[in-house]
Amino acid sequence: MMRAGRAPGTVLLLTLAIASGCQPAPPPFPGTAQSEDRRPAQQAASQPLVAAARAQIGVTTRYDPAYRVLAYPGGDVPADRGVCTDVVVRALRSQGLDLQARVHEDMRDDFSAYPAIWGLSRPDRNIDHRRVPNLMRWFERQGWQQPITAAAADYAAGDIVAWKLNGNGLLHVGIVSDRRLADGTPLVLHNIARGTREENLLFQHAIIGHYRMP
């Protein structure tokens, strides 16, 4: 991974390299928040992570995977844009957990423990926390893993879920909502092509990671 100030062609490759994380899928997902059954209602007050993700709706309106040089710590792309990982990063940061710093520190201490996908020889604090495979590895190393099942009841509001998208095989991540469809399936807060949305996504693609913050 090359950094700011390098040749435009290389920067373009850096931009495309984020594709190992979330990328847009062609069809919209059925069943948005308008179809929800808000049971149990008290969950909304008990899930600040969900509230922080939901607050991004209408603010983050663009999907933008461009590589950017970020401040550190606490760096972010403009609030009106981002990728799926930015939904998670911003929500956790509102709870006092800066994934940019935490992932960078862990990769700096044990770089070989992280996926060797991008041909890097050292951490890049501008982008590492914005890649789904790196977030999955960090969650695993913190002991956040939960069982992957097909039962809606096993997914609690505030859980973080990662998927392998049908069709293109790219990875995606989002936060389980406290709002559920009438059949009990929770909605998901995520950004895939159209900005942050709250939609019926949980069982639309293959789940490859399920995590819960202690």
N, C-alpha and C. Protein backbone atom coordinates (compact mmCIF):
# COMPACT_ATOMS: atom_id res chain seq x y z
N MET A 1 0.86 -1.20 0.00
CA MET A 1 0.00 0.00 0.00
C MET A 1 0.88 1.23 0.00
N MET A 2 0.67 2.09 -0.92
CA MET A 2 1.44 3.32 -0.99
C MET A 2 0.61 4.45 -0.41
N ARG A 3 1.25 5.50 -0.03
CA ARG A 3 0.60 6.57 0.71
C ARG A 3 0.40 7.81 -0.13
N ALA A 4 -0.12 8.87 0.50
CA ALA A 4 -0.44 10.11 -0.19
C ALA A 4 0.79 10.67 -0.87
N GLY A 5 0.57 11.35 -1.99
CA GLY A 5 1.66 12.00 -2.69
C GLY A 5 2.30 11.12 -3.72
N ARG A 6 1.75 9.89 -3.92
CA ARG A 6 2.35 9.01 -4.89
C ARG A 6 1.63 9.14 -6.22
N ALA A 7 2.10 8.39 -7.19
CA ALA A 7 1.60 8.54 -8.56
C ALA A 7 0.10 8.31 -8.62
N PRO A 8 -0.63 9.08 -9.46
CA PRO A 8 -2.08 8.96 -9.55
C PRO A 8 -2.53 7.54 -9.85
N GLY A 9 -1.83 6.82 -10.74
CA GLY A 9 -2.23 5.46 -11.06
C GLY A 9 -2.17 4.57 -9.85
N THR A 10 -1.15 4.77 -9.01
CA THR A 10 -1.03 3.97 -7.81
C THR A 10 -2.11 4.30 -6.82
N VAL A 11 -2.45 5.58 -6.71
CA VAL A 11 -3.52 5.98 -5.80
C VAL A 11 -4.83 5.35 -6.23
N LEU A 12 -5.05 5.24 -7.56
CA LEU A 12 -6.26 4.58 -8.04
C LEU A 12 -6.29 3.13 -7.59
N LEU A 13 -5.15 2.47 -7.66
CA LEU A 13 -5.10 1.08 -7.19
C LEU A 13 -5.39 1.01 -5.70
N LEU A 14 -4.91 1.99 -4.94
CA LEU A 14 -5.19 2.02 -3.52
C LEU A 14 -6.69 2.16 -3.28
N THR A 15 -7.31 3.01 -4.07
CA THR A 15 -8.76 3.19 -3.95
C THR A 15 -9.48 1.88 -4.19
N LEU A 16 -9.09 1.19 -5.24
CA LEU A 16 -9.75 -0.07 -5.57
C LEU A 16 -9.43 -1.14 -4.56
N ALA A 17 -8.32 -1.03 -3.86
CA ALA A 17 -7.93 -2.06 -2.90
C ALA A 17 -8.89 -2.17 -1.75
N ILE A 18 -9.64 -1.11 -1.47
CA ILE A 18 -10.62 -1.19 -0.40
C ILE A 18 -11.70 -2.20 -0.75
N ALA A 19 -11.75 -2.65 -2.00
CA ALA A 19 -12.78 -3.60 -2.42
C ALA A 19 -12.70 -4.91 -1.67
N SER A 20 -11.61 -5.19 -0.98
CA SER A 20 -11.58 -6.37 -0.13
C SER A 20 -12.49 -6.19 1.07
N GLY A 21 -12.99 -4.98 1.24
CA GLY A 21 -14.00 -4.73 2.24
C GLY A 21 -15.35 -4.66 1.57
N CYS A 22 -16.16 -3.66 1.94
CA CYS A 22 -17.53 -3.60 1.43
C CYS A 22 -17.58 -2.93 0.08
N GLN A 23 -18.44 -3.42 -0.77
CA GLN A 23 -18.67 -2.86 -2.08
C GLN A 23 -20.16 -2.93 -2.39
N PRO A 24 -20.65 -2.07 -3.29
CA PRO A 24 -22.08 -2.07 -3.57
C PRO A 24 -22.55 -3.36 -4.23
N ALA A 25 -23.75 -3.78 -3.87
CA ALA A 25 -24.40 -4.90 -4.54
C ALA A 25 -25.54 -4.34 -5.39
N PRO A 26 -25.80 -4.89 -6.56
CA PRO A 26 -26.76 -4.28 -7.47
C PRO A 26 -28.17 -4.10 -6.92
N PRO A 27 -28.83 -5.17 -6.39
CA PRO A 27 -30.23 -4.98 -6.01
C PRO A 27 -30.39 -4.39 -4.63
N PRO A 28 -31.43 -3.57 -4.41
CA PRO A 28 -31.73 -3.12 -3.06
C PRO A 28 -32.23 -4.28 -2.23
N PHE A 29 -32.11 -4.17 -0.92
CA PHE A 29 -32.54 -5.24 -0.04
C PHE A 29 -34.00 -5.08 0.32
N PRO A 30 -34.78 -6.18 0.30
CA PRO A 30 -36.20 -6.09 0.64
C PRO A 30 -36.40 -5.85 2.11
N GLY A 31 -37.51 -5.20 2.47
CA GLY A 31 -37.88 -5.07 3.86
C GLY A 31 -37.05 -4.04 4.58
N THR A 32 -37.35 -2.78 4.45
CA THR A 32 -36.62 -1.75 5.17
C THR A 32 -37.31 -1.46 6.48
N ALA A 33 -36.86 -0.39 7.14
CA ALA A 33 -37.34 -0.11 8.49
C ALA A 33 -38.84 0.10 8.55
N GLN A 34 -39.48 0.41 7.43
CA GLN A 34 -40.91 0.62 7.46
C GLN A 34 -41.67 -0.67 7.75
N SER A 35 -41.03 -1.84 7.57
CA SER A 35 -41.69 -3.12 7.77
C SER A 35 -41.50 -3.67 9.17
N GLU A 36 -40.91 -2.91 10.05
CA GLU A 36 -40.42 -3.45 11.30
C GLU A 36 -41.50 -3.71 12.34
N ASP A 37 -41.15 -4.59 13.27
CA ASP A 37 -41.91 -4.79 14.50
C ASP A 37 -40.95 -4.38 15.60
N ARG A 38 -41.22 -3.32 16.33
CA ARG A 38 -40.24 -2.76 17.27
C ARG A 38 -40.31 -3.46 18.62
N ARG A 39 -40.11 -4.76 18.66
CA ARG A 39 -40.14 -5.48 19.92
C ARG A 39 -38.75 -5.94 20.29
N PRO A 40 -38.33 -5.94 21.54
CA PRO A 40 -39.00 -5.16 22.58
C PRO A 40 -38.60 -3.71 22.49
N ALA A 41 -39.50 -2.79 22.71
CA ALA A 41 -39.25 -1.38 22.49
C ALA A 41 -38.14 -0.84 23.38
N GLN A 42 -37.98 -1.40 24.58
CA GLN A 42 -36.99 -0.86 25.50
C GLN A 42 -35.56 -1.07 25.02
N GLN A 43 -35.36 -1.92 24.01
CA GLN A 43 -34.00 -2.15 23.53
C GLN A 43 -33.38 -0.87 22.98
N ALA A 44 -34.20 0.02 22.42
CA ALA A 44 -33.66 1.24 21.82
C ALA A 44 -32.87 2.04 22.85
N ALA A 45 -33.39 2.13 24.06
CA ALA A 45 -32.72 2.92 25.08
C ALA A 45 -31.47 2.21 25.60
N SER A 46 -31.40 0.89 25.46
CA SER A 46 -30.28 0.14 26.03
C SER A 46 -29.19 -0.12 25.01
N GLN A 47 -29.33 0.38 23.78
CA GLN A 47 -28.35 0.10 22.75
C GLN A 47 -27.77 1.38 22.16
N PRO A 48 -26.85 2.02 22.88
CA PRO A 48 -26.24 3.25 22.34
C PRO A 48 -25.48 3.01 21.04
N LEU A 49 -24.96 1.80 20.86
CA LEU A 49 -24.24 1.51 19.61
C LEU A 49 -25.21 1.55 18.43
N VAL A 50 -26.40 1.01 18.63
CA VAL A 50 -27.42 1.06 17.58
C VAL A 50 -27.83 2.50 17.30
N ALA A 51 -28.04 3.26 18.37
CA ALA A 51 -28.43 4.66 18.21
C ALA A 51 -27.36 5.44 17.46
N ALA A 52 -26.10 5.15 17.74
CA ALA A 52 -25.00 5.85 17.06
C ALA A 52 -24.95 5.50 15.59
N ALA A 53 -25.24 4.24 15.27
CA ALA A 53 -25.28 3.85 13.85
C ALA A 53 -26.48 4.46 13.16
N ARG A 54 -27.63 4.46 13.83
CA ARG A 54 -28.85 5.01 13.23
C ARG A 54 -28.71 6.52 13.00
N ALA A 55 -27.96 7.19 13.84
CA ALA A 55 -27.76 8.64 13.69
C ALA A 55 -27.03 8.98 12.40
N GLN A 56 -26.41 8.00 11.77
CA GLN A 56 -25.70 8.23 10.51
C GLN A 56 -26.64 8.26 9.31
N ILE A 57 -27.88 7.76 9.49
CA ILE A 57 -28.85 7.77 8.40
C ILE A 57 -29.20 9.21 8.05
N GLY A 58 -29.15 9.55 6.78
CA GLY A 58 -29.44 10.91 6.35
C GLY A 58 -28.24 11.83 6.45
N VAL A 59 -27.19 11.38 7.14
CA VAL A 59 -25.94 12.15 7.22
C VAL A 59 -24.93 11.56 6.24
N THR A 60 -24.70 10.26 6.37
CA THR A 60 -23.83 9.56 5.42
C THR A 60 -24.70 9.10 4.27
N THR A 61 -24.68 9.84 3.20
CA THR A 61 -25.58 9.58 2.08
C THR A 61 -24.88 9.04 0.84
N ARG A 62 -23.56 8.90 0.93
CA ARG A 62 -22.80 8.45 -0.23
C ARG A 62 -21.93 7.26 0.12
N TYR A 63 -21.76 6.37 -0.84
CA TYR A 63 -20.79 5.29 -0.72
C TYR A 63 -19.53 5.74 -1.44
N ASP A 64 -18.44 5.85 -0.72
CA ASP A 64 -17.21 6.39 -1.31
C ASP A 64 -16.02 5.60 -0.76
N PRO A 65 -15.44 4.71 -1.58
CA PRO A 65 -14.32 3.89 -1.11
C PRO A 65 -12.94 4.50 -1.34
N ALA A 66 -12.87 5.79 -1.64
CA ALA A 66 -11.58 6.40 -1.96
C ALA A 66 -10.61 6.33 -0.78
N TYR A 67 -9.36 6.06 -1.10
CA TYR A 67 -8.30 6.08 -0.09
C TYR A 67 -8.02 7.53 0.29
N ARG A 68 -7.96 7.79 1.59
CA ARG A 68 -7.69 9.15 2.07
C ARG A 68 -6.67 9.10 3.20
N VAL A 69 -5.86 10.14 3.25
CA VAL A 69 -4.95 10.31 4.38
C VAL A 69 -5.75 10.89 5.53
N LEU A 70 -5.73 10.23 6.69
CA LEU A 70 -6.56 10.61 7.81
C LEU A 70 -5.71 11.14 8.96
N ALA A 71 -6.33 12.00 9.77
CA ALA A 71 -5.69 12.37 11.03
C ALA A 71 -5.56 11.11 11.90
N TYR A 72 -4.70 11.18 12.89
CA TYR A 72 -4.53 10.03 13.78
C TYR A 72 -4.18 10.54 15.18
N PRO A 73 -4.86 9.99 16.21
CA PRO A 73 -6.01 9.10 16.15
C PRO A 73 -7.28 9.88 15.85
N GLY A 74 -8.39 9.19 15.80
CA GLY A 74 -9.69 9.83 15.60
C GLY A 74 -9.94 10.32 14.20
N GLY A 75 -9.17 9.86 13.21
CA GLY A 75 -9.35 10.32 11.85
C GLY A 75 -10.58 9.73 11.18
N ASP A 76 -11.16 10.49 10.27
CA ASP A 76 -12.36 10.03 9.57
C ASP A 76 -12.45 10.72 8.22
N VAL A 77 -13.16 10.07 7.30
CA VAL A 77 -13.48 10.71 6.03
C VAL A 77 -14.66 11.66 6.27
N PRO A 78 -15.00 12.54 5.32
CA PRO A 78 -16.14 13.42 5.53
C PRO A 78 -17.40 12.65 5.91
N ALA A 79 -18.19 13.22 6.80
CA ALA A 79 -19.33 12.51 7.38
C ALA A 79 -20.39 12.14 6.37
N ASP A 80 -20.42 12.80 5.21
CA ASP A 80 -21.47 12.51 4.24
C ASP A 80 -21.16 11.30 3.38
N ARG A 81 -20.01 10.65 3.64
CA ARG A 81 -19.60 9.54 2.79
C ARG A 81 -18.85 8.49 3.60
N GLY A 82 -18.60 7.36 2.94
CA GLY A 82 -17.84 6.30 3.58
C GLY A 82 -18.20 4.95 3.00
N VAL A 83 -17.74 3.91 3.66
CA VAL A 83 -18.00 2.53 3.27
C VAL A 83 -18.63 1.80 4.45
N CYS A 84 -18.87 0.50 4.29
CA CYS A 84 -19.55 -0.23 5.35
C CYS A 84 -18.79 -0.20 6.66
N THR A 85 -17.48 -0.31 6.61
CA THR A 85 -16.69 -0.31 7.83
C THR A 85 -16.80 1.01 8.58
N ASP A 86 -17.02 2.10 7.85
CA ASP A 86 -17.12 3.41 8.51
C ASP A 86 -18.35 3.49 9.42
N VAL A 87 -19.43 2.77 9.08
CA VAL A 87 -20.59 2.74 9.94
C VAL A 87 -20.21 2.17 11.31
N VAL A 88 -19.45 1.09 11.28
CA VAL A 88 -19.02 0.42 12.52
C VAL A 88 -18.00 1.28 13.26
N VAL A 89 -17.03 1.81 12.53
CA VAL A 89 -15.99 2.63 13.14
C VAL A 89 -16.60 3.84 13.84
N ARG A 90 -17.50 4.53 13.16
CA ARG A 90 -18.10 5.73 13.74
C ARG A 90 -18.97 5.41 14.94
N ALA A 91 -19.74 4.32 14.86
CA ALA A 91 -20.60 3.95 15.97
C ALA A 91 -19.78 3.58 17.21
N LEU A 92 -18.72 2.79 17.03
CA LEU A 92 -17.89 2.40 18.17
C LEU A 92 -17.10 3.58 18.71
N ARG A 93 -16.70 4.48 17.84
CA ARG A 93 -15.96 5.66 18.31
C ARG A 93 -16.85 6.51 19.22
N SER A 94 -18.14 6.56 18.94
CA SER A 94 -19.06 7.32 19.79
C SER A 94 -19.16 6.71 21.18
N GLN A 95 -18.75 5.45 21.31
CA GLN A 95 -18.77 4.77 22.61
C GLN A 95 -17.39 4.74 23.25
N GLY A 96 -16.46 5.50 22.68
CA GLY A 96 -15.14 5.62 23.27
C GLY A 96 -14.12 4.62 22.77
N LEU A 97 -14.45 3.85 21.73
CA LEU A 97 -13.53 2.87 21.18
C LEU A 97 -13.11 3.30 19.78
N ASP A 98 -11.86 3.69 19.64
CA ASP A 98 -11.34 4.18 18.35
C ASP A 98 -10.68 3.02 17.62
N LEU A 99 -11.39 2.42 16.66
CA LEU A 99 -10.83 1.29 15.93
C LEU A 99 -9.62 1.67 15.10
N GLN A 100 -9.56 2.90 14.66
CA GLN A 100 -8.38 3.31 13.91
C GLN A 100 -7.13 3.10 14.76
N ALA A 101 -7.17 3.58 15.99
CA ALA A 101 -6.02 3.45 16.88
C ALA A 101 -5.82 2.01 17.34
N ARG A 102 -6.91 1.34 17.72
CA ARG A 102 -6.78 0.00 18.29
C ARG A 102 -6.29 -1.00 17.25
N VAL A 103 -6.84 -0.93 16.04
CA VAL A 103 -6.38 -1.85 15.00
C VAL A 103 -4.94 -1.54 14.62
N HIS A 104 -4.61 -0.26 14.49
CA HIS A 104 -3.24 0.10 14.13
C HIS A 104 -2.25 -0.39 15.18
N GLU A 105 -2.58 -0.20 16.45
CA GLU A 105 -1.67 -0.63 17.52
C GLU A 105 -1.48 -2.14 17.50
N ASP A 106 -2.57 -2.87 17.28
CA ASP A 106 -2.47 -4.33 17.28
C ASP A 106 -1.69 -4.82 16.06
N MET A 107 -1.91 -4.19 14.91
CA MET A 107 -1.16 -4.59 13.72
C MET A 107 0.31 -4.23 13.85
N ARG A 108 0.59 -3.12 14.49
CA ARG A 108 1.98 -2.72 14.70
C ARG A 108 2.70 -3.73 15.59
N ASP A 109 1.97 -4.25 16.59
CA ASP A 109 2.58 -5.21 17.52
C ASP A 109 2.69 -6.61 16.94
N ASP A 110 1.77 -6.98 16.04
CA ASP A 110 1.77 -8.35 15.50
C ASP A 110 1.21 -8.31 14.08
N PHE A 111 1.95 -7.72 13.18
CA PHE A 111 1.48 -7.53 11.82
C PHE A 111 1.16 -8.85 11.13
N SER A 112 1.93 -9.90 11.42
CA SER A 112 1.74 -11.18 10.75
C SER A 112 0.44 -11.87 11.15
N ALA A 113 -0.21 -11.40 12.21
CA ALA A 113 -1.47 -12.00 12.64
C ALA A 113 -2.65 -11.56 11.78
N TYR A 114 -2.43 -10.56 10.94
CA TYR A 114 -3.51 -10.02 10.12
C TYR A 114 -3.43 -10.53 8.69
N PRO A 115 -4.55 -10.52 7.97
CA PRO A 115 -4.57 -11.06 6.60
C PRO A 115 -3.53 -10.39 5.69
N ALA A 116 -2.81 -11.20 4.96
CA ALA A 116 -1.81 -10.68 4.02
C ALA A 116 -2.43 -10.64 2.63
N ILE A 117 -3.32 -9.68 2.43
CA ILE A 117 -4.10 -9.61 1.19
C ILE A 117 -3.61 -8.50 0.27
N TRP A 118 -3.09 -7.43 0.84
CA TRP A 118 -2.84 -6.22 0.05
C TRP A 118 -1.37 -6.00 -0.29
N GLY A 119 -0.52 -6.95 0.01
CA GLY A 119 0.88 -6.83 -0.34
C GLY A 119 1.64 -5.82 0.48
N LEU A 120 1.18 -5.55 1.70
CA LEU A 120 1.83 -4.57 2.57
C LEU A 120 2.90 -5.22 3.42
N SER A 121 3.86 -4.43 3.84
CA SER A 121 4.91 -4.92 4.73
C SER A 121 4.84 -4.27 6.10
N ARG A 122 3.89 -3.35 6.27
CA ARG A 122 3.72 -2.67 7.54
C ARG A 122 2.31 -2.09 7.62
N PRO A 123 1.84 -1.73 8.80
CA PRO A 123 0.49 -1.18 8.92
C PRO A 123 0.36 0.16 8.22
N ASP A 124 -0.87 0.47 7.86
CA ASP A 124 -1.22 1.78 7.28
C ASP A 124 -2.42 2.30 8.07
N ARG A 125 -2.17 3.24 8.95
CA ARG A 125 -3.23 3.72 9.84
C ARG A 125 -4.31 4.52 9.13
N ASN A 126 -4.13 4.82 7.85
CA ASN A 126 -5.15 5.51 7.08
C ASN A 126 -6.26 4.57 6.62
N ILE A 127 -5.96 3.30 6.46
CA ILE A 127 -6.89 2.41 5.78
C ILE A 127 -7.12 1.07 6.48
N ASP A 128 -6.21 0.62 7.32
CA ASP A 128 -6.32 -0.72 7.89
C ASP A 128 -7.64 -0.96 8.60
N HIS A 129 -8.12 0.03 9.35
CA HIS A 129 -9.37 -0.13 10.11
C HIS A 129 -10.60 -0.02 9.24
N ARG A 130 -10.44 0.31 7.99
CA ARG A 130 -11.56 0.45 7.06
C ARG A 130 -11.70 -0.77 6.16
N ARG A 131 -11.00 -1.85 6.49
CA ARG A 131 -11.05 -3.08 5.71
C ARG A 131 -11.70 -4.18 6.53
N VAL A 132 -12.69 -4.82 5.95
CA VAL A 132 -13.46 -5.82 6.67
C VAL A 132 -12.59 -6.95 7.22
N PRO A 133 -11.69 -7.56 6.44
CA PRO A 133 -10.90 -8.66 7.00
C PRO A 133 -10.09 -8.25 8.22
N ASN A 134 -9.58 -7.02 8.24
CA ASN A 134 -8.82 -6.56 9.41
C ASN A 134 -9.72 -6.39 10.62
N LEU A 135 -10.91 -5.83 10.41
CA LEU A 135 -11.83 -5.69 11.55
C LEU A 135 -12.22 -7.06 12.09
N MET A 136 -12.50 -8.00 11.21
CA MET A 136 -12.85 -9.34 11.66
C MET A 136 -11.73 -9.95 12.50
N ARG A 137 -10.50 -9.79 12.05
CA ARG A 137 -9.38 -10.35 12.80
C ARG A 137 -9.23 -9.66 14.16
N TRP A 138 -9.40 -8.34 14.19
CA TRP A 138 -9.28 -7.63 15.46
C TRP A 138 -10.38 -8.07 16.42
N PHE A 139 -11.61 -8.18 15.95
CA PHE A 139 -12.70 -8.64 16.81
C PHE A 139 -12.40 -10.03 17.36
N GLU A 140 -11.87 -10.91 16.51
CA GLU A 140 -11.52 -12.26 16.96
C GLU A 140 -10.44 -12.21 18.04
N ARG A 141 -9.45 -11.37 17.84
CA ARG A 141 -8.35 -11.29 18.80
C ARG A 141 -8.77 -10.67 20.12
N GLN A 142 -9.91 -9.97 20.12
CA GLN A 142 -10.45 -9.41 21.37
C GLN A 142 -11.43 -10.35 22.04
N GLY A 143 -11.71 -11.49 21.42
CA GLY A 143 -12.65 -12.44 22.00
C GLY A 143 -14.11 -12.06 21.82
N TRP A 144 -14.43 -11.32 20.76
CA TRP A 144 -15.80 -10.86 20.53
C TRP A 144 -16.64 -11.87 19.75
N GLN A 145 -16.09 -12.96 19.31
CA GLN A 145 -16.79 -13.88 18.43
C GLN A 145 -18.02 -14.48 19.10
N GLN A 146 -19.08 -14.63 18.29
CA GLN A 146 -20.32 -15.27 18.68
C GLN A 146 -20.65 -16.34 17.65
N PRO A 147 -21.51 -17.30 18.01
CA PRO A 147 -21.87 -18.35 17.05
C PRO A 147 -22.56 -17.77 15.81
N ILE A 148 -22.28 -18.39 14.69
CA ILE A 148 -22.97 -18.05 13.44
C ILE A 148 -24.09 -19.06 13.27
N THR A 149 -25.32 -18.59 13.31
CA THR A 149 -26.48 -19.47 13.20
C THR A 149 -27.48 -18.88 12.22
N ALA A 150 -28.54 -19.62 11.96
CA ALA A 150 -29.63 -19.15 11.12
C ALA A 150 -30.84 -18.76 11.96
N ALA A 151 -30.63 -18.60 13.26
CA ALA A 151 -31.72 -18.26 14.17
C ALA A 151 -31.68 -16.77 14.49
N ALA A 152 -32.76 -16.06 14.17
CA ALA A 152 -32.81 -14.62 14.39
C ALA A 152 -32.59 -14.27 15.85
N ALA A 153 -33.07 -15.11 16.75
CA ALA A 153 -32.98 -14.82 18.17
C ALA A 153 -31.54 -14.78 18.67
N ASP A 154 -30.60 -15.35 17.92
CA ASP A 154 -29.20 -15.38 18.34
C ASP A 154 -28.47 -14.08 18.05
N TYR A 155 -29.13 -13.16 17.35
CA TYR A 155 -28.49 -11.90 16.97
C TYR A 155 -29.12 -10.76 17.75
N ALA A 156 -28.32 -10.20 18.66
CA ALA A 156 -28.82 -9.15 19.55
C ALA A 156 -28.54 -7.77 18.96
N ALA A 157 -29.35 -6.82 19.36
CA ALA A 157 -29.12 -5.43 18.94
C ALA A 157 -27.72 -5.00 19.36
N GLY A 158 -27.00 -4.40 18.43
CA GLY A 158 -25.63 -3.96 18.69
C GLY A 158 -24.59 -4.97 18.26
N ASP A 159 -24.99 -6.20 17.92
CA ASP A 159 -24.03 -7.16 17.40
C ASP A 159 -23.47 -6.66 16.07
N ILE A 160 -22.26 -7.05 15.76
CA ILE A 160 -21.62 -6.71 14.49
C ILE A 160 -21.55 -7.99 13.66
N VAL A 161 -21.99 -7.91 12.42
CA VAL A 161 -22.04 -9.09 11.55
C VAL A 161 -21.28 -8.80 10.26
N ALA A 162 -20.56 -9.81 9.78
CA ALA A 162 -19.86 -9.71 8.50
C ALA A 162 -20.43 -10.74 7.55
N TRP A 163 -20.50 -10.38 6.27
CA TRP A 163 -21.07 -11.24 5.25
C TRP A 163 -20.11 -11.38 4.07
N LYS A 164 -20.30 -12.46 3.33
CA LYS A 164 -19.74 -12.60 1.99
C LYS A 164 -20.91 -12.43 1.04
N LEU A 165 -20.85 -11.40 0.22
CA LEU A 165 -21.98 -11.05 -0.63
C LEU A 165 -22.22 -12.08 -1.73
N ASN A 166 -23.47 -12.42 -1.93
CA ASN A 166 -23.83 -13.32 -3.01
C ASN A 166 -23.49 -12.67 -4.35
N GLY A 167 -23.05 -13.46 -5.27
CA GLY A 167 -22.79 -12.94 -6.61
C GLY A 167 -21.37 -12.49 -6.82
N ASN A 168 -20.90 -11.51 -6.01
CA ASN A 168 -19.54 -11.00 -6.25
C ASN A 168 -18.52 -11.48 -5.23
N GLY A 169 -18.97 -12.07 -4.13
CA GLY A 169 -18.05 -12.64 -3.16
C GLY A 169 -17.30 -11.64 -2.31
N LEU A 170 -17.62 -10.36 -2.44
CA LEU A 170 -16.96 -9.34 -1.64
C LEU A 170 -17.49 -9.36 -0.21
N LEU A 171 -16.76 -8.73 0.70
CA LEU A 171 -17.12 -8.76 2.11
C LEU A 171 -17.85 -7.48 2.51
N HIS A 172 -18.68 -7.62 3.53
CA HIS A 172 -19.51 -6.52 4.00
C HIS A 172 -19.66 -6.65 5.51
N VAL A 173 -19.95 -5.53 6.18
CA VAL A 173 -20.12 -5.55 7.63
C VAL A 173 -21.19 -4.54 8.02
N GLY A 174 -21.91 -4.85 9.10
CA GLY A 174 -22.94 -3.95 9.58
C GLY A 174 -23.27 -4.22 11.03
N ILE A 175 -24.21 -3.44 11.57
CA ILE A 175 -24.60 -3.53 12.98
C ILE A 175 -26.06 -3.96 13.06
N VAL A 176 -26.34 -4.95 13.89
CA VAL A 176 -27.70 -5.45 14.07
C VAL A 176 -28.53 -4.39 14.79
N SER A 177 -29.72 -4.12 14.26
CA SER A 177 -30.62 -3.11 14.81
C SER A 177 -31.44 -3.68 15.96
N ASP A 178 -32.07 -2.78 16.72
CA ASP A 178 -33.02 -3.19 17.74
C ASP A 178 -34.43 -3.30 17.16
N ARG A 179 -34.57 -3.04 15.88
CA ARG A 179 -35.86 -3.16 15.21
C ARG A 179 -35.91 -4.46 14.43
N ARG A 180 -37.06 -5.13 14.50
CA ARG A 180 -37.20 -6.43 13.86
C ARG A 180 -38.42 -6.47 12.95
N LEU A 181 -38.33 -7.34 11.96
CA LEU A 181 -39.49 -7.61 11.12
C LEU A 181 -40.51 -8.40 11.93
N ALA A 182 -41.70 -8.55 11.38
CA ALA A 182 -42.77 -9.26 12.09
C ALA A 182 -42.38 -10.71 12.39
N ASP A 183 -41.50 -11.31 11.58
CA ASP A 183 -41.09 -12.69 11.83
C ASP A 183 -39.93 -12.80 12.81
N GLY A 184 -39.51 -11.65 13.39
CA GLY A 184 -38.44 -11.65 14.38
C GLY A 184 -37.06 -11.39 13.84
N THR A 185 -36.91 -11.29 12.53
CA THR A 185 -35.59 -11.03 11.94
C THR A 185 -35.18 -9.59 12.18
N PRO A 186 -34.02 -9.36 12.81
CA PRO A 186 -33.61 -7.97 13.03
C PRO A 186 -33.13 -7.31 11.75
N LEU A 187 -33.37 -6.01 11.66
CA LEU A 187 -32.82 -5.22 10.57
C LEU A 187 -31.34 -4.98 10.83
N VAL A 188 -30.66 -4.41 9.85
CA VAL A 188 -29.23 -4.17 9.93
C VAL A 188 -28.94 -2.73 9.51
N LEU A 189 -28.07 -2.06 10.23
CA LEU A 189 -27.59 -0.73 9.88
C LEU A 189 -26.26 -0.89 9.14
N HIS A 190 -26.21 -0.37 7.92
CA HIS A 190 -25.05 -0.62 7.07
C HIS A 190 -25.01 0.41 5.94
N ASN A 191 -23.91 0.38 5.20
CA ASN A 191 -23.75 1.25 4.02
C ASN A 191 -23.28 0.38 2.86
N ILE A 192 -24.17 0.21 1.91
CA ILE A 192 -23.78 -0.54 0.72
C ILE A 192 -24.36 0.18 -0.50
N ALA A 193 -23.57 1.01 -1.09
CA ALA A 193 -23.87 1.72 -2.33
C ALA A 193 -24.70 2.98 -2.16
N ARG A 194 -25.52 3.09 -1.09
CA ARG A 194 -26.49 4.19 -1.04
C ARG A 194 -26.43 4.99 0.25
N GLY A 195 -25.31 4.93 0.96
CA GLY A 195 -25.24 5.61 2.25
C GLY A 195 -25.78 4.71 3.35
N THR A 196 -25.74 5.21 4.57
CA THR A 196 -26.17 4.41 5.71
C THR A 196 -27.68 4.21 5.67
N ARG A 197 -28.09 2.94 5.76
CA ARG A 197 -29.50 2.57 5.73
C ARG A 197 -29.78 1.55 6.83
N GLU A 198 -31.06 1.35 7.11
CA GLU A 198 -31.52 0.33 8.06
C GLU A 198 -32.44 -0.60 7.29
N GLU A 199 -31.97 -1.83 7.04
CA GLU A 199 -32.66 -2.69 6.09
C GLU A 199 -32.64 -4.15 6.52
N ASN A 200 -33.44 -4.94 5.82
CA ASN A 200 -33.48 -6.38 6.03
C ASN A 200 -32.33 -7.02 5.26
N LEU A 201 -31.23 -7.25 5.94
CA LEU A 201 -30.03 -7.77 5.29
C LEU A 201 -29.51 -9.05 5.94
N LEU A 202 -29.83 -9.28 7.20
CA LEU A 202 -29.13 -10.27 8.01
C LEU A 202 -28.96 -11.62 7.32
N PHE A 203 -30.05 -12.16 6.79
CA PHE A 203 -29.98 -13.49 6.18
C PHE A 203 -30.04 -13.45 4.66
N GLN A 204 -29.75 -12.29 4.08
CA GLN A 204 -29.77 -12.17 2.62
C GLN A 204 -28.47 -12.64 1.98
N HIS A 205 -27.40 -12.73 2.78
CA HIS A 205 -26.10 -13.16 2.30
C HIS A 205 -25.47 -14.10 3.32
N ALA A 206 -24.40 -14.76 2.93
CA ALA A 206 -23.74 -15.72 3.82
C ALA A 206 -23.03 -14.99 4.95
N ILE A 207 -23.40 -15.31 6.17
CA ILE A 207 -22.75 -14.71 7.35
C ILE A 207 -21.42 -15.41 7.58
N ILE A 208 -20.35 -14.64 7.69
CA ILE A 208 -19.02 -15.21 7.91
C ILE A 208 -18.41 -14.74 9.23
N GLY A 209 -19.09 -13.83 9.91
CA GLY A 209 -18.58 -13.36 11.20
C GLY A 209 -19.70 -12.78 12.04
N HIS A 210 -19.67 -13.06 13.34
CA HIS A 210 -20.68 -12.56 14.27
C HIS A 210 -19.94 -12.16 15.55
N TYR A 211 -20.08 -10.90 15.96
CA TYR A 211 -19.26 -10.37 17.05
C TYR A 211 -20.14 -9.55 18.00
N ARG A 212 -19.72 -9.56 19.25
CA ARG A 212 -20.46 -8.80 20.27
C ARG A 212 -19.47 -8.11 21.20
N MET A 213 -19.60 -6.79 21.33
CA MET A 213 -18.72 -6.04 22.21
C MET A 213 -19.04 -6.38 23.66
N PRO A 214 -18.04 -6.69 24.48
CA PRO A 214 -18.29 -7.03 25.89
C PRO A 214 -19.02 -5.91 26.61
